[in-house]
Amino acid sequence: MCADEKMYKDFVVSKNILKGKPVGYSLREKTADDTLSGWNVLSIEDDETYVSNPDNFTIVKASEIAKLQPLLLEIYDSMYGTELNWLYDEDGMFKGFFDLGSNQEVSIAQVLTKGML
């Protein structure tokens, strides 16, 4: 998938993601900053102490997200308020999402139509 910078706004991302750690959690929220998509992305290793330090986060362009975790571009248009835990099997392979709003495992299609859950 080509990440056209004009189509996508920036993501707030844990620096652990930049170090190659898998995504563990993502939240899309409204933001007053017109350059941001509203997506906040944490790794599976980010605990409360890590998250409480703003220096542990950076802003990245969609082209970088496409390299790090292209699924974020697939769910990019999800509604504000979308809050997902990312699920992995015992081998560390991505297996789906757990939607915290509906308290159930969901598919990408369900994430994109969250209002119907």
N, C-alpha and C. Protein backbone atom coordinates (compact mmCIF):
# COMPACT_ATOMS: atom_id res chain seq x y z
N MET A 1 0.85 -1.18 0.00
CA MET A 1 0.00 0.00 0.00
C MET A 1 0.89 1.24 0.00
N CYS A 2 0.62 2.14 -0.87
CA CYS A 2 1.39 3.38 -0.95
C CYS A 2 0.81 4.39 0.03
N ALA A 3 1.68 4.95 0.84
CA ALA A 3 1.23 5.93 1.84
C ALA A 3 1.36 7.33 1.26
N ASP A 4 0.30 7.81 0.64
CA ASP A 4 0.27 9.14 0.08
C ASP A 4 0.17 10.15 1.21
N GLU A 5 1.20 10.96 1.38
CA GLU A 5 1.26 11.91 2.50
C GLU A 5 0.10 12.91 2.46
N LYS A 6 -0.49 13.14 1.31
CA LYS A 6 -1.61 14.08 1.22
C LYS A 6 -2.90 13.45 1.73
N MET A 7 -2.99 12.12 1.71
CA MET A 7 -4.20 11.42 2.15
C MET A 7 -4.22 11.18 3.66
N TYR A 8 -3.04 11.01 4.23
CA TYR A 8 -2.93 10.62 5.63
C TYR A 8 -2.26 11.71 6.46
N LYS A 9 -2.76 11.86 7.67
CA LYS A 9 -2.11 12.76 8.62
C LYS A 9 -1.16 11.95 9.48
N ASP A 10 -0.40 12.62 10.32
CA ASP A 10 0.65 11.99 11.12
C ASP A 10 0.10 11.18 12.29
N PHE A 11 0.95 10.28 12.79
CA PHE A 11 0.64 9.38 13.90
C PHE A 11 1.55 9.71 15.08
N VAL A 12 1.03 9.60 16.30
CA VAL A 12 1.84 9.68 17.51
C VAL A 12 2.18 8.24 17.88
N VAL A 13 3.48 7.96 17.94
CA VAL A 13 3.94 6.58 18.04
C VAL A 13 4.98 6.43 19.16
N SER A 14 4.85 5.34 19.89
CA SER A 14 5.86 4.98 20.89
C SER A 14 7.19 4.74 20.19
N LYS A 15 8.26 5.20 20.79
CA LYS A 15 9.58 4.97 20.21
C LYS A 15 9.94 3.48 20.21
N ASN A 16 9.27 2.68 21.04
CA ASN A 16 9.48 1.24 20.99
C ASN A 16 9.02 0.65 19.66
N ILE A 17 8.00 1.24 19.07
CA ILE A 17 7.54 0.80 17.74
C ILE A 17 8.66 1.04 16.72
N LEU A 18 9.31 2.19 16.84
CA LEU A 18 10.42 2.49 15.92
C LEU A 18 11.58 1.52 16.10
N LYS A 19 11.69 0.93 17.29
CA LYS A 19 12.74 -0.04 17.58
C LYS A 19 12.34 -1.46 17.15
N GLY A 20 11.16 -1.60 16.54
CA GLY A 20 10.74 -2.90 16.03
C GLY A 20 9.81 -3.70 16.91
N LYS A 21 9.39 -3.13 18.03
CA LYS A 21 8.45 -3.84 18.90
C LYS A 21 7.06 -3.84 18.25
N PRO A 22 6.31 -4.93 18.38
CA PRO A 22 4.97 -5.00 17.79
C PRO A 22 4.00 -4.00 18.45
N VAL A 23 3.01 -3.58 17.68
CA VAL A 23 1.95 -2.72 18.20
C VAL A 23 1.16 -3.54 19.21
N GLY A 24 0.88 -2.94 20.35
CA GLY A 24 0.07 -3.60 21.37
C GLY A 24 -1.28 -2.93 21.57
N TYR A 25 -1.33 -1.63 21.25
CA TYR A 25 -2.52 -0.85 21.53
C TYR A 25 -2.57 0.34 20.59
N SER A 26 -3.76 0.67 20.13
CA SER A 26 -3.94 1.88 19.33
C SER A 26 -5.26 2.54 19.70
N LEU A 27 -5.23 3.86 19.69
CA LEU A 27 -6.39 4.67 20.03
C LEU A 27 -6.48 5.82 19.05
N ARG A 28 -7.67 6.04 18.53
CA ARG A 28 -7.89 7.20 17.68
C ARG A 28 -8.78 8.18 18.43
N GLU A 29 -8.27 9.38 18.61
CA GLU A 29 -9.03 10.41 19.31
C GLU A 29 -8.95 11.72 18.54
N LYS A 30 -9.96 12.55 18.74
CA LYS A 30 -9.94 13.87 18.09
C LYS A 30 -8.79 14.68 18.64
N THR A 31 -8.20 15.47 17.76
CA THR A 31 -7.08 16.32 18.15
C THR A 31 -7.27 17.70 17.56
N ALA A 32 -6.79 18.70 18.25
CA ALA A 32 -6.88 20.08 17.76
C ALA A 32 -5.79 20.37 16.73
N ASP A 33 -4.81 19.49 16.65
CA ASP A 33 -3.69 19.66 15.72
C ASP A 33 -4.07 19.10 14.35
N ASP A 34 -4.21 19.96 13.36
CA ASP A 34 -4.65 19.55 12.02
C ASP A 34 -3.65 18.66 11.29
N THR A 35 -2.44 18.55 11.80
CA THR A 35 -1.44 17.70 11.14
C THR A 35 -1.51 16.25 11.63
N LEU A 36 -2.26 16.02 12.72
CA LEU A 36 -2.33 14.68 13.31
C LEU A 36 -3.60 13.95 12.93
N SER A 37 -3.48 12.64 12.77
CA SER A 37 -4.61 11.78 12.42
C SER A 37 -5.49 11.45 13.62
N GLY A 38 -4.94 11.63 14.81
CA GLY A 38 -5.65 11.22 16.02
C GLY A 38 -5.22 9.85 16.51
N TRP A 39 -4.42 9.14 15.70
CA TRP A 39 -3.95 7.81 16.09
C TRP A 39 -2.76 7.91 17.03
N ASN A 40 -2.89 7.22 18.17
CA ASN A 40 -1.82 7.06 19.14
C ASN A 40 -1.52 5.57 19.19
N VAL A 41 -0.25 5.22 19.04
CA VAL A 41 0.13 3.82 18.88
C VAL A 41 1.19 3.46 19.91
N LEU A 42 0.92 2.40 20.68
CA LEU A 42 1.83 1.93 21.71
C LEU A 42 2.30 0.52 21.38
N SER A 43 3.46 0.16 21.87
CA SER A 43 3.98 -1.18 21.65
C SER A 43 3.48 -2.14 22.73
N ILE A 44 3.72 -3.42 22.53
CA ILE A 44 3.32 -4.42 23.51
C ILE A 44 4.12 -4.30 24.80
N GLU A 45 5.23 -3.58 24.77
CA GLU A 45 6.09 -3.45 25.94
C GLU A 45 5.87 -2.17 26.73
N ASP A 46 5.03 -1.27 26.25
CA ASP A 46 4.83 0.02 26.90
C ASP A 46 3.95 -0.14 28.14
N ASP A 47 4.54 0.14 29.31
CA ASP A 47 3.77 0.09 30.54
C ASP A 47 3.40 1.52 30.96
N GLU A 48 2.73 1.64 32.08
CA GLU A 48 2.24 2.94 32.54
C GLU A 48 3.39 3.94 32.75
N THR A 49 4.50 3.47 33.29
CA THR A 49 5.65 4.35 33.51
C THR A 49 6.20 4.86 32.19
N TYR A 50 6.33 3.97 31.21
CA TYR A 50 6.85 4.35 29.90
C TYR A 50 5.92 5.37 29.24
N VAL A 51 4.63 5.09 29.26
CA VAL A 51 3.63 5.95 28.61
C VAL A 51 3.54 7.31 29.27
N SER A 52 3.83 7.40 30.54
CA SER A 52 3.71 8.68 31.25
C SER A 52 4.82 9.67 30.89
N ASN A 53 5.83 9.22 30.16
CA ASN A 53 6.93 10.10 29.75
C ASN A 53 6.74 10.50 28.29
N PRO A 54 6.40 11.77 28.01
CA PRO A 54 6.18 12.19 26.63
C PRO A 54 7.41 12.06 25.73
N ASP A 55 8.59 12.00 26.33
CA ASP A 55 9.81 11.83 25.54
C ASP A 55 9.89 10.45 24.89
N ASN A 56 9.03 9.53 25.31
CA ASN A 56 9.02 8.18 24.74
C ASN A 56 8.15 8.07 23.49
N PHE A 57 7.64 9.21 23.01
CA PHE A 57 6.78 9.23 21.84
C PHE A 57 7.33 10.19 20.80
N THR A 58 6.99 9.92 19.57
CA THR A 58 7.38 10.79 18.48
C THR A 58 6.25 10.83 17.45
N ILE A 59 6.32 11.76 16.55
CA ILE A 59 5.33 11.89 15.48
C ILE A 59 5.96 11.36 14.20
N VAL A 60 5.23 10.47 13.51
CA VAL A 60 5.74 9.91 12.27
C VAL A 60 4.72 10.07 11.15
N LYS A 61 5.25 10.15 9.96
CA LYS A 61 4.44 10.26 8.74
C LYS A 61 3.86 8.90 8.37
N ALA A 62 2.85 8.92 7.56
CA ALA A 62 2.21 7.68 7.10
C ALA A 62 3.19 6.80 6.33
N SER A 63 4.13 7.38 5.61
CA SER A 63 5.10 6.58 4.86
C SER A 63 5.93 5.72 5.81
N GLU A 64 6.23 6.24 6.99
CA GLU A 64 6.97 5.46 7.99
C GLU A 64 6.07 4.39 8.61
N ILE A 65 4.81 4.75 8.88
CA ILE A 65 3.85 3.77 9.41
C ILE A 65 3.68 2.62 8.43
N ALA A 66 3.67 2.92 7.14
CA ALA A 66 3.52 1.87 6.12
C ALA A 66 4.65 0.85 6.21
N LYS A 67 5.82 1.29 6.62
CA LYS A 67 6.97 0.39 6.78
C LYS A 67 6.89 -0.36 8.10
N LEU A 68 6.45 0.32 9.15
CA LEU A 68 6.45 -0.25 10.50
C LEU A 68 5.27 -1.18 10.74
N GLN A 69 4.06 -0.74 10.38
CA GLN A 69 2.85 -1.52 10.60
C GLN A 69 1.76 -1.04 9.64
N PRO A 70 1.74 -1.62 8.42
CA PRO A 70 0.79 -1.18 7.40
C PRO A 70 -0.68 -1.37 7.76
N LEU A 71 -0.98 -2.24 8.71
CA LEU A 71 -2.38 -2.40 9.13
C LEU A 71 -2.96 -1.11 9.69
N LEU A 72 -2.11 -0.24 10.22
CA LEU A 72 -2.59 1.04 10.73
C LEU A 72 -3.19 1.89 9.61
N LEU A 73 -2.67 1.75 8.41
CA LEU A 73 -3.25 2.49 7.28
C LEU A 73 -4.56 1.86 6.84
N GLU A 74 -4.70 0.55 7.02
CA GLU A 74 -5.97 -0.11 6.68
C GLU A 74 -7.10 0.32 7.61
N ILE A 75 -6.78 0.58 8.86
CA ILE A 75 -7.82 1.00 9.82
C ILE A 75 -7.82 2.52 10.04
N TYR A 76 -7.07 3.23 9.23
CA TYR A 76 -6.88 4.67 9.38
C TYR A 76 -8.21 5.43 9.52
N ASP A 77 -9.21 5.08 8.73
CA ASP A 77 -10.47 5.82 8.71
C ASP A 77 -11.46 5.41 9.79
N SER A 78 -11.00 4.62 10.76
CA SER A 78 -11.88 4.23 11.87
C SER A 78 -12.40 5.46 12.59
N MET A 79 -13.54 5.28 13.23
CA MET A 79 -14.16 6.38 13.96
C MET A 79 -13.26 6.85 15.11
N TYR A 80 -13.37 8.12 15.44
CA TYR A 80 -12.72 8.62 16.65
C TYR A 80 -13.31 7.85 17.83
N GLY A 81 -12.46 7.51 18.77
CA GLY A 81 -12.88 6.70 19.90
C GLY A 81 -12.54 5.23 19.73
N THR A 82 -12.08 4.84 18.54
CA THR A 82 -11.67 3.45 18.32
C THR A 82 -10.46 3.16 19.22
N GLU A 83 -10.59 2.10 20.01
CA GLU A 83 -9.56 1.73 20.97
C GLU A 83 -9.34 0.22 20.87
N LEU A 84 -8.15 -0.16 20.42
CA LEU A 84 -7.89 -1.56 20.09
C LEU A 84 -6.66 -2.11 20.79
N ASN A 85 -6.79 -3.31 21.34
CA ASN A 85 -5.63 -4.10 21.71
C ASN A 85 -5.33 -4.99 20.52
N TRP A 86 -4.06 -5.13 20.19
CA TRP A 86 -3.64 -5.97 19.08
C TRP A 86 -3.31 -7.34 19.63
N LEU A 87 -3.83 -8.39 18.99
CA LEU A 87 -3.68 -9.75 19.48
C LEU A 87 -2.65 -10.52 18.66
N TYR A 88 -1.88 -11.34 19.35
CA TYR A 88 -0.84 -12.15 18.71
C TYR A 88 -0.94 -13.58 19.21
N ASP A 89 -0.57 -14.53 18.36
CA ASP A 89 -0.56 -15.92 18.78
C ASP A 89 0.71 -16.22 19.56
N GLU A 90 0.87 -17.45 19.99
CA GLU A 90 2.02 -17.82 20.81
C GLU A 90 3.35 -17.69 20.08
N ASP A 91 3.31 -17.62 18.74
CA ASP A 91 4.52 -17.43 17.94
C ASP A 91 4.80 -15.96 17.63
N GLY A 92 3.94 -15.08 18.17
CA GLY A 92 4.13 -13.65 17.95
C GLY A 92 3.55 -13.14 16.64
N MET A 93 2.73 -13.95 15.98
CA MET A 93 2.10 -13.53 14.72
C MET A 93 0.78 -12.82 15.03
N PHE A 94 0.55 -11.69 14.34
CA PHE A 94 -0.69 -10.94 14.52
C PHE A 94 -1.88 -11.84 14.19
N LYS A 95 -2.91 -11.82 15.05
CA LYS A 95 -4.09 -12.64 14.79
C LYS A 95 -5.40 -11.86 14.84
N GLY A 96 -5.35 -10.58 15.18
CA GLY A 96 -6.59 -9.81 15.18
C GLY A 96 -6.59 -8.68 16.20
N PHE A 97 -7.77 -8.12 16.38
CA PHE A 97 -7.95 -6.99 17.29
C PHE A 97 -8.95 -7.34 18.38
N PHE A 98 -8.77 -6.73 19.53
CA PHE A 98 -9.77 -6.77 20.59
C PHE A 98 -10.24 -5.34 20.79
N ASP A 99 -11.51 -5.08 20.48
CA ASP A 99 -12.07 -3.73 20.59
C ASP A 99 -12.48 -3.49 22.04
N LEU A 100 -11.87 -2.50 22.67
CA LEU A 100 -12.15 -2.22 24.07
C LEU A 100 -13.53 -1.59 24.26
N GLY A 101 -14.06 -0.95 23.24
CA GLY A 101 -15.38 -0.34 23.34
C GLY A 101 -16.50 -1.38 23.38
N SER A 102 -16.37 -2.41 22.57
CA SER A 102 -17.41 -3.45 22.51
C SER A 102 -17.03 -4.68 23.33
N ASN A 103 -15.79 -4.70 23.84
CA ASN A 103 -15.30 -5.80 24.67
C ASN A 103 -15.37 -7.15 23.95
N GLN A 104 -14.89 -7.12 22.68
CA GLN A 104 -14.89 -8.37 21.90
C GLN A 104 -13.83 -8.32 20.81
N GLU A 105 -13.45 -9.52 20.35
CA GLU A 105 -12.54 -9.59 19.21
C GLU A 105 -13.29 -9.12 17.98
N VAL A 106 -12.59 -8.38 17.11
CA VAL A 106 -13.22 -7.83 15.92
C VAL A 106 -12.29 -7.97 14.72
N SER A 107 -12.88 -7.95 13.55
CA SER A 107 -12.14 -7.97 12.29
C SER A 107 -11.83 -6.54 11.85
N ILE A 108 -11.01 -6.41 10.83
CA ILE A 108 -10.74 -5.08 10.27
C ILE A 108 -12.05 -4.46 9.78
N ALA A 109 -12.90 -5.24 9.13
CA ALA A 109 -14.18 -4.71 8.63
C ALA A 109 -15.01 -4.17 9.79
N GLN A 110 -15.03 -4.88 10.92
CA GLN A 110 -15.80 -4.40 12.07
C GLN A 110 -15.17 -3.14 12.68
N VAL A 111 -13.85 -3.05 12.66
CA VAL A 111 -13.18 -1.85 13.15
C VAL A 111 -13.61 -0.65 12.32
N LEU A 112 -13.68 -0.84 11.01
CA LEU A 112 -14.04 0.26 10.11
C LEU A 112 -15.51 0.64 10.20
N THR A 113 -16.34 -0.24 10.70
CA THR A 113 -17.78 0.04 10.86
C THR A 113 -18.14 -0.03 12.33
N LYS A 114 -17.29 0.52 13.18
CA LYS A 114 -17.44 0.42 14.62
C LYS A 114 -18.83 0.81 15.11
N GLY A 115 -19.45 1.76 14.50
CA GLY A 115 -20.77 2.18 14.93
C GLY A 115 -21.80 1.08 14.83
N MET A 116 -21.50 0.02 14.09
CA MET A 116 -22.43 -1.08 13.92
C MET A 116 -22.19 -2.22 14.91
N LEU A 117 -21.16 -2.13 15.74
CA LEU A 117 -20.84 -3.22 16.69
C LEU A 117 -21.87 -3.31 17.78
